[in-house]
Amino acid sequence: MLFQIGEREDVVKYLGMLRTKLLQDFNVLKGKENEVSFAFVVDFPLFELGNDGSLGAVHHPFTKPKDEDIPFVKALGKKLRE
């Protein structure tokens, strides 16, 4: 079991680095370098409210909130779908 405490951005960054290191150290991906896998994320919180009040993509820039959620995102900011 592993716990990490800190700012969300730091936690995500360092746990991602740890995951990558463990995969390499234990040869989990050996022989699967050319394998392609797909995942579809539906209704996942991909946005956060910036310090200046603007809405930004957390995961990647090619996402958009559902049109019906835009008023809620503006009103509630980061509390929406946490």
C-alpha atoms as a PDB file:
ATOM      1  CA  MET A   1       0.000   0.000   0.000  1.00  0.00           C
ATOM      2  CA  LEU A   2       1.304   3.445  -0.878  1.00  0.00           C
ATOM      3  CA  PHE A   3       0.133   6.846   0.263  1.00  0.00           C
ATOM      4  CA  GLN A   4       1.367  10.204  -0.936  1.00  0.00           C
ATOM      5  CA  ILE A   5       0.408  13.555   0.509  1.00  0.00           C
ATOM      6  CA  GLY A   6       0.955  16.925  -1.129  1.00  0.00           C
ATOM      7  CA  GLU A   7      -0.282  19.238  -3.816  1.00  0.00           C
ATOM      8  CA  ARG A   8      -2.353  17.342  -6.386  1.00  0.00           C
ATOM      9  CA  GLU A   9      -0.055  18.257  -9.281  1.00  0.00           C
ATOM     10  CA  ASP A  10       3.009  17.008  -7.374  1.00  0.00           C
ATOM     11  CA  VAL A  11       1.291  13.811  -6.227  1.00  0.00           C
ATOM     12  CA  VAL A  12       0.177  12.949  -9.765  1.00  0.00           C
ATOM     13  CA  LYS A  13       3.598  13.778 -11.212  1.00  0.00           C
ATOM     14  CA  TYR A  14       5.629  11.729  -8.713  1.00  0.00           C
ATOM     15  CA  LEU A  15       3.274   8.744  -8.620  1.00  0.00           C
ATOM     16  CA  GLY A  16       3.438   8.678 -12.424  1.00  0.00           C
ATOM     17  CA  MET A  17       7.230   8.694 -12.275  1.00  0.00           C
ATOM     18  CA  LEU A  18       7.160   5.877  -9.700  1.00  0.00           C
ATOM     19  CA  ARG A  19       4.752   3.830 -11.839  1.00  0.00           C
ATOM     20  CA  THR A  20       7.018   4.216 -14.870  1.00  0.00           C
ATOM     21  CA  LYS A  21      10.128   3.270 -12.863  1.00  0.00           C
ATOM     22  CA  LEU A  22       8.467   0.159 -11.399  1.00  0.00           C
ATOM     23  CA  LEU A  23       7.286  -0.959 -14.851  1.00  0.00           C
ATOM     24  CA  GLN A  24      10.854  -0.624 -16.132  1.00  0.00           C
ATOM     25  CA  ASP A  25      12.513  -2.267 -13.105  1.00  0.00           C
ATOM     26  CA  PHE A  26      10.197  -5.285 -13.165  1.00  0.00           C
ATOM     27  CA  ASN A  27      10.235  -5.597 -16.980  1.00  0.00           C
ATOM     28  CA  VAL A  28       6.450  -5.429 -17.089  1.00  0.00           C
ATOM     29  CA  LEU A  29       6.483  -3.976 -20.588  1.00  0.00           C
ATOM     30  CA  LYS A  30       9.171  -6.289 -21.981  1.00  0.00           C
ATOM     31  CA  GLY A  31       7.978  -7.577 -25.352  1.00  0.00           C
ATOM     32  CA  LYS A  32       4.976  -5.245 -25.366  1.00  0.00           C
ATOM     33  CA  GLU A  33       6.727  -2.128 -26.656  1.00  0.00           C
ATOM     34  CA  ASN A  34       4.695  -2.160 -29.884  1.00  0.00           C
ATOM     35  CA  GLU A  35       1.392  -3.153 -28.290  1.00  0.00           C
ATOM     36  CA  VAL A  36      -1.462  -0.679 -28.613  1.00  0.00           C
ATOM     37  CA  SER A  37      -4.263  -0.459 -26.045  1.00  0.00           C
ATOM     38  CA  PHE A  38      -7.234   1.861 -25.993  1.00  0.00           C
ATOM     39  CA  ALA A  39      -9.215   3.430 -23.169  1.00  0.00           C
ATOM     40  CA  PHE A  40     -12.305   5.592 -23.304  1.00  0.00           C
ATOM     41  CA  VAL A  41     -12.888   7.955 -20.386  1.00  0.00           C
ATOM     42  CA  VAL A  42     -16.499   9.106 -20.043  1.00  0.00           C
ATOM     43  CA  ASP A  43     -17.639  11.868 -17.656  1.00  0.00           C
ATOM     44  CA  PHE A  44     -14.230  12.072 -15.986  1.00  0.00           C
ATOM     45  CA  PRO A  45     -13.099  15.331 -14.336  1.00  0.00           C
ATOM     46  CA  LEU A  46     -10.582  16.592 -16.885  1.00  0.00           C
ATOM     47  CA  PHE A  47     -10.683  20.284 -15.997  1.00  0.00           C
ATOM     48  CA  GLU A  48      -9.598  22.570 -13.197  1.00  0.00           C
ATOM     49  CA  LEU A  49     -10.066  26.207 -12.402  1.00  0.00           C
ATOM     50  CA  GLY A  50      -6.829  28.199 -12.694  1.00  0.00           C
ATOM     51  CA  ASN A  51      -5.644  30.843 -10.234  1.00  0.00           C
ATOM     52  CA  ASP A  52      -6.929  33.515 -12.606  1.00  0.00           C
ATOM     53  CA  GLY A  53     -10.389  31.917 -12.749  1.00  0.00           C
ATOM     54  CA  SER A  54      -9.946  30.417 -16.200  1.00  0.00           C
ATOM     55  CA  LEU A  55     -10.912  26.842 -16.994  1.00  0.00           C
ATOM     56  CA  GLY A  56      -8.029  24.628 -18.119  1.00  0.00           C
ATOM     57  CA  ALA A  57      -7.579  21.039 -19.194  1.00  0.00           C
ATOM     58  CA  VAL A  58      -5.924  18.853 -16.557  1.00  0.00           C
ATOM     59  CA  HIS A  59      -5.307  15.814 -18.756  1.00  0.00           C
ATOM     60  CA  HIS A  60      -4.861  17.103 -22.287  1.00  0.00           C
ATOM     61  CA  PRO A  61      -5.891  20.187 -24.263  1.00  0.00           C
ATOM     62  CA  PHE A  62      -8.233  18.433 -26.695  1.00  0.00           C
ATOM     63  CA  THR A  63     -11.163  18.173 -24.303  1.00  0.00           C
ATOM     64  CA  LYS A  64     -14.192  20.329 -23.699  1.00  0.00           C
ATOM     65  CA  PRO A  65     -16.759  20.265 -20.901  1.00  0.00           C
ATOM     66  CA  LYS A  66     -20.243  19.206 -21.883  1.00  0.00           C
ATOM     67  CA  ASP A  67     -22.259  22.238 -22.961  1.00  0.00           C
ATOM     68  CA  GLU A  68     -24.793  21.674 -20.200  1.00  0.00           C
ATOM     69  CA  ASP A  69     -21.973  21.661 -17.594  1.00  0.00           C
ATOM     70  CA  ILE A  70     -20.385  24.997 -18.574  1.00  0.00           C
ATOM     71  CA  PRO A  71     -22.603  27.137 -16.280  1.00  0.00           C
ATOM     72  CA  PHE A  72     -21.856  24.790 -13.364  1.00  0.00           C
ATOM     73  CA  VAL A  73     -18.122  24.842 -14.063  1.00  0.00           C
ATOM     74  CA  LYS A  74     -18.116  28.620 -14.039  1.00  0.00           C
ATOM     75  CA  ALA A  75     -20.263  28.775 -10.893  1.00  0.00           C
ATOM     76  CA  LEU A  76     -18.616  26.046  -8.848  1.00  0.00           C
ATOM     77  CA  GLY A  77     -15.130  25.946 -10.290  1.00  0.00           C
ATOM     78  CA  LYS A  78     -12.970  23.107  -9.056  1.00  0.00           C
ATOM     79  CA  LYS A  79     -15.657  21.727  -6.701  1.00  0.00           C
ATOM     80  CA  LEU A  80     -17.597  20.400  -9.684  1.00  0.00           C
ATOM     81  CA  ARG A  81     -17.185  16.635 -10.037  1.00  0.00           C
ATOM     82  CA  GLU A  82     -14.350  16.382  -7.508  1.00  0.00           C
END
